[in-house]
Structures are given as C-alpha cells and as structure tokens.
Protein backbone atom coordinates (compact mmCIF):
# COMPACT_ATOMS: atom_id res chain seq x y z
CA UNK A 1 -121.79 241.30 -89.93
CA UNK A 2 -118.14 240.50 -90.30
CA UNK A 3 -117.84 240.38 -86.28
CA UNK A 4 -120.49 237.81 -85.70
CA UNK A 5 -118.72 235.61 -88.85
CA UNK A 6 -115.44 236.02 -87.07
CA UNK A 7 -117.00 234.84 -83.76
CA UNK A 8 -118.89 231.81 -85.72
CA UNK A 9 -115.74 230.91 -87.26
CA UNK A 10 -113.69 231.10 -84.02
CA UNK A 11 -116.05 229.30 -82.08
CA UNK A 12 -115.46 226.14 -84.42
CA UNK A 13 -111.69 226.87 -84.47
CA UNK A 14 -111.22 227.14 -80.75
CA UNK A 15 -113.91 224.56 -79.75
CA UNK A 16 -115.84 227.15 -77.30
CA UNK A 17 -115.76 230.72 -77.13
CA UNK A 18 -116.85 232.05 -73.87
CA UNK A 19 -118.36 235.45 -75.37
CA UNK A 20 -120.12 233.50 -78.04
CA UNK A 21 -121.36 230.45 -76.17
CA UNK A 22 -122.67 232.34 -73.10
CA UNK A 23 -126.24 233.74 -73.80
CA UNK A 24 -125.67 234.83 -77.40
CA UNK A 25 -128.89 235.48 -79.41
CA UNK A 26 -127.24 233.50 -82.08
CA UNK A 27 -127.04 230.37 -80.11
CA UNK A 28 -130.57 230.49 -78.45
CA UNK A 29 -132.41 228.91 -81.44
CA UNK A 30 -129.61 226.19 -81.91
CA UNK A 31 -130.04 225.51 -78.20
CA UNK A 32 -133.93 225.46 -78.39
CA UNK A 33 -133.75 223.20 -81.58
CA UNK A 34 -131.33 220.98 -79.97
CA UNK A 35 -133.16 220.64 -76.92
CA UNK A 36 -136.33 219.86 -78.70
CA UNK A 37 -134.78 217.28 -81.17
CA UNK A 38 -132.57 215.44 -78.70
CA UNK A 39 -135.27 213.87 -76.52
CA UNK A 40 -137.14 213.06 -79.88
CA UNK A 41 -133.90 211.66 -81.20
CA UNK A 42 -133.40 209.49 -78.36
CA UNK A 43 -137.06 208.41 -78.46
CA UNK A 44 -136.53 207.65 -82.29
CA UNK A 45 -133.21 205.62 -81.52
CA UNK A 46 -135.16 203.67 -78.89
CA UNK A 47 -138.07 202.87 -81.33
CA UNK A 48 -135.26 202.14 -84.26
CA UNK A 49 -133.72 199.72 -81.89
CA UNK A 50 -136.85 198.21 -80.97
CA UNK A 51 -138.08 197.98 -84.77
CA UNK A 52 -134.57 196.39 -85.58
CA UNK A 53 -135.00 193.99 -82.79
CA UNK A 54 -138.31 193.18 -83.74
CA UNK A 55 -137.37 192.78 -87.37
CA UNK A 56 -134.41 190.61 -86.66
CA UNK A 57 -136.92 188.29 -84.64
CA UNK A 58 -139.48 188.23 -87.29
CA UNK A 59 -136.55 187.63 -89.98
CA UNK A 60 -135.43 184.72 -87.78
CA UNK A 61 -138.89 183.26 -87.35
CA UNK A 62 -139.59 183.45 -91.12
CA UNK A 63 -136.07 181.67 -91.79
CA UNK A 64 -137.08 179.02 -89.36
CA UNK A 65 -140.26 178.36 -91.12
CA UNK A 66 -138.91 178.41 -94.59
CA UNK A 67 -136.25 176.04 -93.37
CA UNK A 68 -139.08 173.79 -91.84
CA UNK A 69 -141.17 173.97 -94.78
CA UNK A 70 -138.19 173.15 -97.26
CA UNK A 71 -137.27 170.17 -94.84
CA UNK A 72 -140.72 169.04 -94.94
CA UNK A 73 -140.96 169.20 -98.64
CA UNK A 74 -137.83 167.42 -98.71
CA UNK A 75 -139.12 164.48 -96.61
CA UNK A 76 -142.22 164.61 -98.78
CA UNK A 77 -140.17 164.13 -102.00
CA UNK A 78 -138.24 161.47 -100.30
CA UNK A 79 -141.34 159.61 -99.32
CA UNK A 80 -143.09 160.22 -102.80
CA UNK A 81 -139.82 158.51 -104.07
CA UNK A 82 -139.94 155.68 -101.84
CA UNK A 83 -143.68 155.08 -102.28
CA UNK A 84 -142.90 155.10 -106.17
CA UNK A 85 -140.18 152.90 -105.98
CA UNK A 86 -142.40 150.31 -103.94
CA UNK A 87 -145.27 150.68 -106.04
CA UNK A 88 -143.05 149.97 -108.89
CA UNK A 89 -141.66 146.75 -107.52
CA UNK A 90 -145.13 145.73 -106.43
CA UNK A 91 -146.52 146.17 -109.58
CA UNK A 92 -143.67 144.34 -111.33
CA UNK A 93 -144.31 141.56 -108.82
CA UNK A 94 -148.09 141.49 -109.63
CA UNK A 95 -147.13 141.46 -113.14
CA UNK A 96 -145.12 138.36 -113.13
CA UNK A 97 -147.36 136.71 -110.93
CA UNK A 98 -150.32 137.17 -113.60
CA UNK A 99 -147.92 135.97 -116.25
CA UNK A 100 -147.44 132.76 -113.95
CA UNK A 101 -151.06 132.45 -113.84
CA UNK A 102 -151.65 132.92 -117.37
CA UNK A 103 -148.95 130.11 -118.09
CA UNK A 104 -150.89 127.88 -116.02
CA UNK A 105 -154.20 128.37 -117.68
C-alpha cells in the first residue's frame, strides 16, 4: 500500500511517472472514466454554449420588446396629455361661447 501511495504522490510531484502511467491497473479506471466523460463534456459545453447564445438572443429580444412597449406607453401618455389639453381648451372655448350666447338672450 505504501509503494502505491508513493507512486501516486510521485506522479503529481514529477508530472508523469513512466512506471505508473504506462498500463498500471490504477490508471485504467481513470482513463476509462476520462475517455467516457470527455466527449460528453465537449457535447455539454457545446450545448451550454448554444443555450447561452439562445438565452442571450432571447434576453435581447425581450429587452427590445420591453423598450418598444415602454416607448409606446410613453407616446400614449403624451398623446393622452395632448388630448386632455386640447379637450380642456375646447371646453373652455365652448363655455365662453355659451356665456356669450346667454348674455345676448
């Protein structure tokens, strides 16, 4: 057990230990797991990249939509203010005309 531990520690200290890294039974499970995970990890990175790109595109579209709605709302508020102002002016003018008519009667 002590020699395996020394080889294991030596592997990390020296970078590679030729005796340990050849076809040692201790390395085989690691190589098998890495070989199985690496392609999946690459695929996952691609999917994550695609999802991130899709998310960014969706976020941009939503931001544009919110901006457009806010702009339309602002325009609607401005139009409403303008309408109210025009309406109030016309009502005032109408009131003055009615007062003038009442004086003549």
